[in-house]
Amino acid sequence: MCGKTPGIGFKNFLFQILIGEELLIRLRKAAITVSYGGLVTDAISALMVLAALWMENVVIQGPKAVSNENALTLKFSPMIDGE
């Protein structure tokens, strides 16, 4: 026996969450008059709910600001009249 546990793997799980969130965003942007009742199965609906719950706990942070004393600055002097 190999030591692996059965499942889809973490990478594929995150990919499914991303797909579910993308679908949820697109459906929220769609016109209200459009009906997807026959296309959205129970599994797809559950995926969208799971993705929404997962994304509630995701915090996206940008890079931290660098203080001026550690920042590298380039002096720019534009050429004026061919100088």
C-alpha atoms as a PDB file:
ATOM      1  CA  MET A   1       0.000   0.000   0.000  1.00  0.00           C
ATOM      2  CA  CYS A   2       1.123   3.504  -0.656  1.00  0.00           C
ATOM      3  CA  GLY A   3       0.858   6.090   2.111  1.00  0.00           C
ATOM      4  CA  LYS A   4      -1.336   8.481   0.128  1.00  0.00           C
ATOM      5  CA  THR A   5      -4.832   9.231   1.265  1.00  0.00           C
ATOM      6  CA  PRO A   6      -7.564   9.234  -1.378  1.00  0.00           C
ATOM      7  CA  GLY A   7      -8.929  12.588  -2.450  1.00  0.00           C
ATOM      8  CA  ILE A   8      -8.518  15.305  -5.016  1.00  0.00           C
ATOM      9  CA  GLY A   9      -5.513  16.964  -3.412  1.00  0.00           C
ATOM     10  CA  PHE A  10      -5.108  20.443  -2.012  1.00  0.00           C
ATOM     11  CA  LYS A  11      -4.150  22.042  -5.339  1.00  0.00           C
ATOM     12  CA  ASN A  12      -7.232  20.692  -7.088  1.00  0.00           C
ATOM     13  CA  PHE A  13      -9.392  21.669  -4.111  1.00  0.00           C
ATOM     14  CA  LEU A  14      -8.221  25.282  -4.349  1.00  0.00           C
ATOM     15  CA  PHE A  15      -8.826  25.207  -8.095  1.00  0.00           C
ATOM     16  CA  GLN A  16     -12.416  24.050  -7.500  1.00  0.00           C
ATOM     17  CA  ILE A  17     -12.905  26.868  -4.963  1.00  0.00           C
ATOM     18  CA  LEU A  18     -11.621  29.349  -7.536  1.00  0.00           C
ATOM     19  CA  ILE A  19     -13.982  27.988 -10.190  1.00  0.00           C
ATOM     20  CA  GLY A  20     -16.932  28.136  -7.785  1.00  0.00           C
ATOM     21  CA  GLU A  21     -16.171  31.743  -6.841  1.00  0.00           C
ATOM     22  CA  GLU A  22     -15.770  32.749 -10.477  1.00  0.00           C
ATOM     23  CA  LEU A  23     -19.106  31.160 -11.347  1.00  0.00           C
ATOM     24  CA  LEU A  24     -20.784  32.877  -8.410  1.00  0.00           C
ATOM     25  CA  ILE A  25     -19.405  36.268  -9.461  1.00  0.00           C
ATOM     26  CA  ARG A  26     -20.572  35.759 -13.039  1.00  0.00           C
ATOM     27  CA  LEU A  27     -24.038  34.658 -11.969  1.00  0.00           C
ATOM     28  CA  ARG A  28     -24.361  37.680  -9.674  1.00  0.00           C
ATOM     29  CA  LYS A  29     -23.485  39.968 -12.590  1.00  0.00           C
ATOM     30  CA  ALA A  30     -25.969  38.288 -14.961  1.00  0.00           C
ATOM     31  CA  ALA A  31     -29.340  39.817 -15.659  1.00  0.00           C
ATOM     32  CA  ILE A  32     -32.046  39.016 -13.123  1.00  0.00           C
ATOM     33  CA  THR A  33     -34.375  37.758 -15.861  1.00  0.00           C
ATOM     34  CA  VAL A  34     -31.980  34.954 -16.873  1.00  0.00           C
ATOM     35  CA  SER A  35     -32.820  31.586 -15.326  1.00  0.00           C
ATOM     36  CA  TYR A  36     -30.142  28.971 -14.704  1.00  0.00           C
ATOM     37  CA  GLY A  37     -32.453  26.550 -12.889  1.00  0.00           C
ATOM     38  CA  GLY A  38     -31.903  23.683 -15.302  1.00  0.00           C
ATOM     39  CA  LEU A  39     -28.154  24.183 -15.580  1.00  0.00           C
ATOM     40  CA  VAL A  40     -27.055  24.603 -11.971  1.00  0.00           C
ATOM     41  CA  THR A  41     -27.073  21.200 -10.331  1.00  0.00           C
ATOM     42  CA  ASP A  42     -27.004  20.527  -6.603  1.00  0.00           C
ATOM     43  CA  ALA A  43     -23.245  19.880  -6.784  1.00  0.00           C
ATOM     44  CA  ILE A  44     -22.595  23.187  -8.575  1.00  0.00           C
ATOM     45  CA  SER A  45     -24.822  25.023  -6.123  1.00  0.00           C
ATOM     46  CA  ALA A  46     -22.965  23.452  -3.198  1.00  0.00           C
ATOM     47  CA  LEU A  47     -19.637  24.395  -4.806  1.00  0.00           C
ATOM     48  CA  MET A  48     -20.706  28.038  -5.061  1.00  0.00           C
ATOM     49  CA  VAL A  49     -21.849  28.098  -1.427  1.00  0.00           C
ATOM     50  CA  LEU A  50     -18.601  26.462  -0.283  1.00  0.00           C
ATOM     51  CA  ALA A  51     -16.544  28.900  -2.365  1.00  0.00           C
ATOM     52  CA  ALA A  52     -18.404  31.902  -0.913  1.00  0.00           C
ATOM     53  CA  LEU A  53     -17.859  30.654   2.644  1.00  0.00           C
ATOM     54  CA  TRP A  54     -14.194  29.918   1.954  1.00  0.00           C
ATOM     55  CA  MET A  55     -13.612  33.369   0.435  1.00  0.00           C
ATOM     56  CA  GLU A  56     -15.124  35.068   3.493  1.00  0.00           C
ATOM     57  CA  ASN A  57     -12.034  33.942   5.397  1.00  0.00           C
ATOM     58  CA  VAL A  58      -9.498  34.930   2.743  1.00  0.00           C
ATOM     59  CA  VAL A  59      -7.546  38.124   3.329  1.00  0.00           C
ATOM     60  CA  ILE A  60      -5.634  39.553   0.385  1.00  0.00           C
ATOM     61  CA  GLN A  61      -2.774  41.820   1.387  1.00  0.00           C
ATOM     62  CA  GLY A  62      -0.465  43.783  -0.821  1.00  0.00           C
ATOM     63  CA  PRO A  63       3.231  44.221  -0.229  1.00  0.00           C
ATOM     64  CA  LYS A  64       4.206  46.185   2.840  1.00  0.00           C
ATOM     65  CA  ALA A  65       5.283  49.763   2.348  1.00  0.00           C
ATOM     66  CA  VAL A  66       8.986  50.427   2.502  1.00  0.00           C
ATOM     67  CA  SER A  67      10.179  53.269   4.711  1.00  0.00           C
ATOM     68  CA  ASN A  68      11.914  56.178   3.007  1.00  0.00           C
ATOM     69  CA  GLU A  69      15.264  55.460   4.637  1.00  0.00           C
ATOM     70  CA  ASN A  70      15.404  51.996   3.070  1.00  0.00           C
ATOM     71  CA  ALA A  71      13.895  52.905  -0.301  1.00  0.00           C
ATOM     72  CA  LEU A  72      16.025  53.301  -3.363  1.00  0.00           C
ATOM     73  CA  THR A  73      15.157  56.398  -5.339  1.00  0.00           C
ATOM     74  CA  LEU A  74      16.220  57.307  -8.824  1.00  0.00           C
ATOM     75  CA  LYS A  75      16.659  60.926  -9.702  1.00  0.00           C
ATOM     76  CA  PHE A  76      15.005  61.781 -12.971  1.00  0.00           C
ATOM     77  CA  SER A  77      15.983  64.870 -14.883  1.00  0.00           C
ATOM     78  CA  PRO A  78      14.090  65.220 -18.132  1.00  0.00           C
ATOM     79  CA  MET A  79      15.974  66.357 -21.194  1.00  0.00           C
ATOM     80  CA  ILE A  80      14.792  69.782 -22.215  1.00  0.00           C
ATOM     81  CA  ASP A  81      15.536  71.143 -25.679  1.00  0.00           C
ATOM     82  CA  GLY A  82      18.152  68.492 -26.428  1.00  0.00           C
ATOM     83  CA  GLU A  83      20.305  69.124 -23.343  1.00  0.00           C
END
